[in-house]
Amino acid sequence: DVLESDVLVNDVLESGVLVSGVQGNVVLVNDVLESCVLVNNVLESGVLVNYVLGSGVLVSDALESGVLVNDVLERGVLVNDVQESGVLVNNVLESGVLGNDVLESGVLVSDVLESGVLVNDVLESGL
């Protein structure tokens, strides 16, 4: 585990579920609950807070910046689009599994596997 500032830390729980956390200024923390429900919290900066409720419905709130736009699909699954910067787009796959794609910057792609295990892949940029 690397605990330096602004460095990504990956921890694998006993359940085999990946937990990714950035220690330091970036302060992005991904936690997988016992129910294999993902909860994303952006601390300190107060910019983005993602909660996955027990019903499997994603609720996202953009604080201060007011950049995030939330759209609820017919299936009750939330799709999040970040405007202005045009960077982040969250798409719900046919299987009802949430996939996160970071556009333009090509930095991070997050996919949730059928087993409910979160996998984070860094693209060619290597950031």
N, C-alpha and C. Protein backbone atom coordinates (compact mmCIF):
# COMPACT_ATOMS: atom_id res chain seq x y z
N ASP A 1 0.84 -1.21 0.00
CA ASP A 1 0.00 0.00 0.00
C ASP A 1 0.87 1.25 0.00
N VAL A 2 0.61 2.14 -0.91
CA VAL A 2 1.34 3.39 -0.96
C VAL A 2 0.49 4.47 -0.31
N LEU A 3 1.02 5.09 0.74
CA LEU A 3 0.23 6.06 1.49
C LEU A 3 0.68 7.49 1.28
N GLU A 4 1.51 7.72 0.25
CA GLU A 4 2.00 9.05 -0.01
C GLU A 4 0.87 9.94 -0.54
N SER A 5 1.11 11.25 -0.52
CA SER A 5 0.09 12.21 -0.95
C SER A 5 -0.21 12.06 -2.42
N ASP A 6 -1.50 12.14 -2.76
CA ASP A 6 -1.97 12.08 -4.14
C ASP A 6 -1.59 10.79 -4.84
N VAL A 7 -1.42 9.73 -4.08
CA VAL A 7 -1.07 8.44 -4.67
C VAL A 7 -2.22 7.46 -4.49
N LEU A 8 -2.55 6.75 -5.56
CA LEU A 8 -3.66 5.81 -5.51
C LEU A 8 -3.29 4.58 -4.69
N VAL A 9 -4.20 4.18 -3.82
CA VAL A 9 -3.97 3.01 -2.98
C VAL A 9 -5.06 1.98 -3.26
N ASN A 10 -4.64 0.77 -3.61
CA ASN A 10 -5.59 -0.30 -3.89
C ASN A 10 -5.55 -1.35 -2.80
N ASP A 11 -6.70 -1.67 -2.23
CA ASP A 11 -6.79 -2.69 -1.20
C ASP A 11 -7.82 -3.73 -1.62
N VAL A 12 -7.47 -4.99 -1.47
CA VAL A 12 -8.40 -6.07 -1.80
C VAL A 12 -8.96 -6.65 -0.50
N LEU A 13 -10.27 -6.61 -0.36
CA LEU A 13 -10.91 -7.12 0.84
C LEU A 13 -11.00 -8.64 0.81
N GLU A 14 -11.38 -9.23 1.94
CA GLU A 14 -11.52 -10.68 2.02
C GLU A 14 -12.51 -11.20 1.00
N SER A 15 -13.50 -10.40 0.68
CA SER A 15 -14.52 -10.80 -0.29
C SER A 15 -14.01 -10.72 -1.72
N GLY A 16 -12.77 -10.29 -1.89
CA GLY A 16 -12.21 -10.17 -3.22
C GLY A 16 -12.69 -8.93 -3.95
N VAL A 17 -13.22 -7.98 -3.22
CA VAL A 17 -13.72 -6.75 -3.81
C VAL A 17 -12.65 -5.67 -3.69
N LEU A 18 -12.43 -4.96 -4.78
CA LEU A 18 -11.38 -3.95 -4.82
C LEU A 18 -11.83 -2.65 -4.18
N VAL A 19 -10.96 -2.10 -3.35
CA VAL A 19 -11.20 -0.79 -2.76
C VAL A 19 -10.06 0.13 -3.17
N SER A 20 -10.40 1.20 -3.86
CA SER A 20 -9.38 2.15 -4.30
C SER A 20 -9.54 3.46 -3.56
N GLY A 21 -8.44 3.95 -3.03
CA GLY A 21 -8.50 5.22 -2.32
C GLY A 21 -7.28 6.07 -2.63
N VAL A 22 -7.50 7.36 -2.80
CA VAL A 22 -6.41 8.28 -3.01
C VAL A 22 -6.14 9.01 -1.71
N GLN A 23 -4.98 8.81 -1.15
CA GLN A 23 -4.60 9.44 0.11
C GLN A 23 -3.96 10.78 -0.18
N GLY A 24 -4.53 11.84 0.34
CA GLY A 24 -3.94 13.16 0.14
C GLY A 24 -4.93 14.17 -0.41
N ASN A 25 -4.44 15.03 -1.29
CA ASN A 25 -5.26 16.13 -1.78
C ASN A 25 -6.40 15.70 -2.69
N VAL A 26 -6.18 14.63 -3.47
CA VAL A 26 -7.20 14.19 -4.40
C VAL A 26 -8.40 13.62 -3.65
N VAL A 27 -8.18 12.93 -2.58
CA VAL A 27 -9.16 12.44 -1.62
C VAL A 27 -10.33 11.69 -2.23
N LEU A 28 -10.11 10.92 -3.29
CA LEU A 28 -11.17 10.07 -3.81
C LEU A 28 -11.09 8.70 -3.13
N VAL A 29 -12.22 8.24 -2.59
CA VAL A 29 -12.24 6.98 -1.87
C VAL A 29 -13.37 6.11 -2.37
N ASN A 30 -13.04 4.90 -2.79
CA ASN A 30 -14.06 3.94 -3.23
C ASN A 30 -14.19 2.84 -2.18
N ASP A 31 -15.38 2.66 -1.66
CA ASP A 31 -15.62 1.63 -0.66
C ASP A 31 -16.70 0.68 -1.15
N VAL A 32 -16.46 -0.60 -1.02
CA VAL A 32 -17.47 -1.59 -1.38
C VAL A 32 -18.04 -2.17 -0.10
N LEU A 33 -19.32 -2.00 0.09
CA LEU A 33 -19.98 -2.47 1.30
C LEU A 33 -20.17 -3.98 1.27
N GLU A 34 -20.62 -4.54 2.39
CA GLU A 34 -20.84 -5.97 2.48
C GLU A 34 -21.80 -6.47 1.42
N SER A 35 -22.74 -5.62 1.03
CA SER A 35 -23.72 -5.98 0.02
C SER A 35 -23.16 -5.82 -1.39
N CYS A 36 -21.84 -5.60 -1.49
CA CYS A 36 -21.19 -5.39 -2.79
C CYS A 36 -21.74 -4.15 -3.50
N VAL A 37 -22.19 -3.18 -2.71
CA VAL A 37 -22.69 -1.92 -3.26
C VAL A 37 -21.60 -0.87 -3.16
N LEU A 38 -21.32 -0.22 -4.26
CA LEU A 38 -20.22 0.75 -4.31
C LEU A 38 -20.66 2.11 -3.78
N VAL A 39 -19.81 2.68 -2.94
CA VAL A 39 -20.04 4.03 -2.43
C VAL A 39 -18.81 4.87 -2.70
N ASN A 40 -18.97 5.92 -3.47
CA ASN A 40 -17.85 6.80 -3.79
C ASN A 40 -18.00 8.10 -3.01
N ASN A 41 -16.97 8.44 -2.25
CA ASN A 41 -16.99 9.68 -1.50
C ASN A 41 -15.78 10.53 -1.87
N VAL A 42 -16.00 11.76 -2.26
CA VAL A 42 -14.92 12.71 -2.46
C VAL A 42 -14.88 13.62 -1.25
N LEU A 43 -13.85 13.47 -0.45
CA LEU A 43 -13.77 14.18 0.81
C LEU A 43 -13.07 15.53 0.66
N GLU A 44 -13.22 16.35 1.69
CA GLU A 44 -12.54 17.64 1.81
C GLU A 44 -12.93 18.63 0.73
N SER A 45 -12.67 18.28 -0.53
CA SER A 45 -12.96 19.21 -1.63
C SER A 45 -14.45 19.52 -1.72
N GLY A 46 -15.29 18.57 -1.28
CA GLY A 46 -16.73 18.81 -1.29
C GLY A 46 -17.28 18.96 -2.68
N VAL A 47 -16.65 18.33 -3.66
CA VAL A 47 -17.08 18.50 -5.04
C VAL A 47 -18.09 17.44 -5.45
N LEU A 48 -17.79 16.18 -5.22
CA LEU A 48 -18.65 15.11 -5.70
C LEU A 48 -18.86 14.04 -4.64
N VAL A 49 -20.11 13.60 -4.51
CA VAL A 49 -20.44 12.53 -3.57
C VAL A 49 -21.38 11.56 -4.26
N ASN A 50 -20.95 10.33 -4.42
CA ASN A 50 -21.78 9.32 -5.06
C ASN A 50 -22.22 8.28 -4.04
N TYR A 51 -23.50 8.01 -3.99
CA TYR A 51 -24.03 7.00 -3.10
C TYR A 51 -24.84 5.98 -3.89
N VAL A 52 -24.57 4.71 -3.64
CA VAL A 52 -25.38 3.66 -4.22
C VAL A 52 -26.29 3.12 -3.12
N LEU A 53 -27.57 3.32 -3.28
CA LEU A 53 -28.52 2.90 -2.26
C LEU A 53 -28.76 1.41 -2.32
N GLY A 54 -29.42 0.86 -1.30
CA GLY A 54 -29.70 -0.56 -1.25
C GLY A 54 -30.50 -1.04 -2.45
N SER A 55 -31.29 -0.14 -3.03
CA SER A 55 -32.10 -0.49 -4.19
C SER A 55 -31.27 -0.55 -5.46
N GLY A 56 -29.98 -0.22 -5.33
CA GLY A 56 -29.11 -0.24 -6.49
C GLY A 56 -29.24 0.99 -7.35
N VAL A 57 -29.88 2.01 -6.82
CA VAL A 57 -30.03 3.26 -7.56
C VAL A 57 -28.95 4.23 -7.13
N LEU A 58 -28.23 4.77 -8.11
CA LEU A 58 -27.13 5.68 -7.82
C LEU A 58 -27.63 7.10 -7.63
N VAL A 59 -27.20 7.71 -6.54
CA VAL A 59 -27.54 9.12 -6.28
C VAL A 59 -26.25 9.91 -6.22
N SER A 60 -26.14 10.90 -7.08
CA SER A 60 -24.93 11.70 -7.13
C SER A 60 -25.26 13.16 -6.86
N ASP A 61 -24.48 13.78 -6.00
CA ASP A 61 -24.66 15.19 -5.69
C ASP A 61 -23.35 15.92 -5.94
N ALA A 62 -23.41 16.99 -6.72
CA ALA A 62 -22.24 17.82 -6.94
C ALA A 62 -22.34 19.04 -6.03
N LEU A 63 -21.42 19.16 -5.11
CA LEU A 63 -21.46 20.26 -4.17
C LEU A 63 -20.57 21.40 -4.63
N GLU A 64 -20.94 22.60 -4.30
CA GLU A 64 -20.19 23.82 -4.58
C GLU A 64 -20.06 24.09 -6.07
N SER A 65 -19.36 23.22 -6.78
CA SER A 65 -19.10 23.46 -8.20
C SER A 65 -20.39 23.47 -9.01
N GLY A 66 -21.36 22.62 -8.63
CA GLY A 66 -22.62 22.58 -9.35
C GLY A 66 -22.45 22.17 -10.80
N VAL A 67 -21.46 21.33 -11.08
CA VAL A 67 -21.16 20.94 -12.44
C VAL A 67 -21.91 19.69 -12.87
N LEU A 68 -22.18 18.82 -11.92
CA LEU A 68 -22.76 17.52 -12.24
C LEU A 68 -24.26 17.62 -12.54
N VAL A 69 -24.68 16.86 -13.57
CA VAL A 69 -26.09 16.78 -13.91
C VAL A 69 -26.54 15.33 -13.78
N ASN A 70 -27.64 15.12 -13.09
CA ASN A 70 -28.11 13.77 -12.85
C ASN A 70 -29.36 13.48 -13.67
N ASP A 71 -29.35 12.37 -14.41
CA ASP A 71 -30.50 11.95 -15.19
C ASP A 71 -30.89 10.53 -14.77
N VAL A 72 -32.18 10.33 -14.50
CA VAL A 72 -32.66 9.01 -14.10
C VAL A 72 -33.33 8.32 -15.28
N LEU A 73 -32.86 7.13 -15.62
CA LEU A 73 -33.43 6.39 -16.74
C LEU A 73 -34.71 5.68 -16.34
N GLU A 74 -35.39 5.08 -17.31
CA GLU A 74 -36.65 4.40 -17.05
C GLU A 74 -36.49 3.28 -16.03
N ARG A 75 -35.35 2.62 -16.07
CA ARG A 75 -35.12 1.51 -15.15
C ARG A 75 -34.79 1.98 -13.74
N GLY A 76 -34.72 3.30 -13.56
CA GLY A 76 -34.43 3.84 -12.24
C GLY A 76 -32.95 3.87 -11.95
N VAL A 77 -32.14 3.66 -12.99
CA VAL A 77 -30.69 3.71 -12.81
C VAL A 77 -30.18 5.07 -13.25
N LEU A 78 -29.31 5.63 -12.48
CA LEU A 78 -28.86 7.00 -12.71
C LEU A 78 -27.70 7.07 -13.69
N VAL A 79 -27.79 8.02 -14.60
CA VAL A 79 -26.68 8.32 -15.51
C VAL A 79 -26.18 9.72 -15.20
N ASN A 80 -24.90 9.83 -14.98
CA ASN A 80 -24.32 11.11 -14.61
C ASN A 80 -23.48 11.68 -15.74
N ASP A 81 -23.75 12.93 -16.09
CA ASP A 81 -22.96 13.62 -17.10
C ASP A 81 -22.36 14.88 -16.50
N VAL A 82 -21.06 15.03 -16.65
CA VAL A 82 -20.41 16.24 -16.18
C VAL A 82 -20.26 17.21 -17.34
N GLN A 83 -20.91 18.36 -17.22
CA GLN A 83 -20.89 19.33 -18.29
C GLN A 83 -19.63 20.19 -18.21
N GLU A 84 -19.58 21.21 -19.07
CA GLU A 84 -18.49 22.17 -19.11
C GLU A 84 -17.17 21.49 -19.42
N SER A 85 -16.59 20.80 -18.47
CA SER A 85 -15.31 20.14 -18.70
C SER A 85 -15.43 19.03 -19.73
N GLY A 86 -16.61 18.43 -19.84
CA GLY A 86 -16.83 17.37 -20.81
C GLY A 86 -15.94 16.18 -20.58
N VAL A 87 -15.60 15.91 -19.33
CA VAL A 87 -14.63 14.86 -19.02
C VAL A 87 -15.30 13.55 -18.66
N LEU A 88 -16.20 13.59 -17.69
CA LEU A 88 -16.74 12.34 -17.14
C LEU A 88 -18.11 12.01 -17.70
N VAL A 89 -18.28 10.76 -18.10
CA VAL A 89 -19.58 10.27 -18.55
C VAL A 89 -19.84 8.92 -17.94
N ASN A 90 -20.95 8.78 -17.26
CA ASN A 90 -21.31 7.51 -16.66
C ASN A 90 -22.42 6.87 -17.47
N ASN A 91 -22.18 5.65 -17.94
CA ASN A 91 -23.16 4.95 -18.75
C ASN A 91 -23.60 3.67 -18.06
N VAL A 92 -24.90 3.38 -18.16
CA VAL A 92 -25.43 2.15 -17.59
C VAL A 92 -25.55 1.11 -18.69
N LEU A 93 -24.88 0.00 -18.50
CA LEU A 93 -24.87 -1.04 -19.52
C LEU A 93 -26.19 -1.80 -19.54
N GLU A 94 -26.39 -2.63 -20.57
CA GLU A 94 -27.63 -3.39 -20.71
C GLU A 94 -27.88 -4.28 -19.50
N SER A 95 -26.81 -4.78 -18.92
CA SER A 95 -26.93 -5.67 -17.77
C SER A 95 -27.30 -4.92 -16.50
N GLY A 96 -27.41 -3.60 -16.61
CA GLY A 96 -27.71 -2.80 -15.43
C GLY A 96 -26.48 -2.53 -14.59
N VAL A 97 -25.31 -2.83 -15.14
CA VAL A 97 -24.06 -2.59 -14.44
C VAL A 97 -23.51 -1.24 -14.83
N LEU A 98 -23.12 -0.46 -13.85
CA LEU A 98 -22.63 0.88 -14.11
C LEU A 98 -21.19 0.86 -14.61
N GLY A 99 -20.96 1.54 -15.72
CA GLY A 99 -19.59 1.67 -16.23
C GLY A 99 -19.20 3.12 -16.29
N ASN A 100 -18.02 3.43 -15.80
CA ASN A 100 -17.55 4.81 -15.81
C ASN A 100 -16.48 4.99 -16.87
N ASP A 101 -16.68 5.93 -17.78
CA ASP A 101 -15.72 6.22 -18.82
C ASP A 101 -15.29 7.68 -18.71
N VAL A 102 -13.99 7.91 -18.66
CA VAL A 102 -13.48 9.27 -18.66
C VAL A 102 -13.08 9.62 -20.07
N LEU A 103 -13.79 10.56 -20.68
CA LEU A 103 -13.57 10.91 -22.07
C LEU A 103 -12.45 11.94 -22.21
N GLU A 104 -11.99 12.12 -23.44
CA GLU A 104 -11.01 13.14 -23.81
C GLU A 104 -9.69 12.94 -23.07
N SER A 105 -9.70 13.07 -21.76
CA SER A 105 -8.46 12.92 -21.01
C SER A 105 -7.93 11.49 -21.10
N GLY A 106 -8.84 10.51 -21.30
CA GLY A 106 -8.41 9.13 -21.46
C GLY A 106 -7.63 8.62 -20.29
N VAL A 107 -8.05 8.96 -19.09
CA VAL A 107 -7.27 8.60 -17.92
C VAL A 107 -7.75 7.30 -17.28
N LEU A 108 -9.03 7.24 -16.95
CA LEU A 108 -9.50 6.11 -16.14
C LEU A 108 -10.78 5.50 -16.70
N VAL A 109 -10.83 4.18 -16.70
CA VAL A 109 -12.05 3.48 -17.07
C VAL A 109 -12.36 2.48 -15.96
N SER A 110 -13.55 2.57 -15.41
CA SER A 110 -13.95 1.67 -14.33
C SER A 110 -15.08 0.78 -14.79
N ASP A 111 -14.92 -0.51 -14.64
CA ASP A 111 -15.95 -1.47 -15.01
C ASP A 111 -16.30 -2.34 -13.81
N VAL A 112 -17.59 -2.59 -13.62
CA VAL A 112 -18.03 -3.48 -12.56
C VAL A 112 -18.33 -4.85 -13.18
N LEU A 113 -17.59 -5.86 -12.77
CA LEU A 113 -17.75 -7.18 -13.34
C LEU A 113 -19.01 -7.86 -12.82
N GLU A 114 -19.40 -8.97 -13.46
CA GLU A 114 -20.59 -9.71 -13.05
C GLU A 114 -20.51 -10.15 -11.59
N SER A 115 -19.30 -10.42 -11.14
CA SER A 115 -19.09 -10.88 -9.76
C SER A 115 -19.24 -9.74 -8.77
N GLY A 116 -19.46 -8.54 -9.27
CA GLY A 116 -19.60 -7.39 -8.40
C GLY A 116 -18.27 -6.85 -7.94
N VAL A 117 -17.20 -7.25 -8.61
CA VAL A 117 -15.87 -6.78 -8.26
C VAL A 117 -15.50 -5.59 -9.12
N LEU A 118 -15.06 -4.53 -8.50
CA LEU A 118 -14.70 -3.32 -9.22
C LEU A 118 -13.29 -3.43 -9.78
N VAL A 119 -13.16 -3.11 -11.06
CA VAL A 119 -11.85 -3.15 -11.71
C VAL A 119 -11.55 -1.78 -12.30
N ASN A 120 -10.41 -1.22 -11.92
CA ASN A 120 -9.99 0.08 -12.44
C ASN A 120 -8.84 -0.11 -13.40
N ASP A 121 -9.00 0.40 -14.62
CA ASP A 121 -7.95 0.29 -15.63
C ASP A 121 -7.48 1.68 -16.02
N VAL A 122 -6.17 1.85 -16.06
CA VAL A 122 -5.61 3.12 -16.50
C VAL A 122 -5.24 3.00 -17.97
N LEU A 123 -5.69 3.96 -18.77
CA LEU A 123 -5.49 3.89 -20.20
C LEU A 123 -4.08 4.33 -20.60
N GLU A 124 -3.87 4.45 -21.90
CA GLU A 124 -2.55 4.69 -22.47
C GLU A 124 -1.82 5.89 -21.86
N SER A 125 -2.58 6.84 -21.36
CA SER A 125 -1.95 8.03 -20.79
C SER A 125 -1.09 7.67 -19.58
N GLY A 126 -1.45 6.57 -18.91
CA GLY A 126 -0.66 6.11 -17.78
C GLY A 126 -0.75 7.00 -16.57
N LEU A 127 -1.80 7.81 -16.52
CA LEU A 127 -1.94 8.72 -15.38
C LEU A 127 -2.52 7.98 -14.20
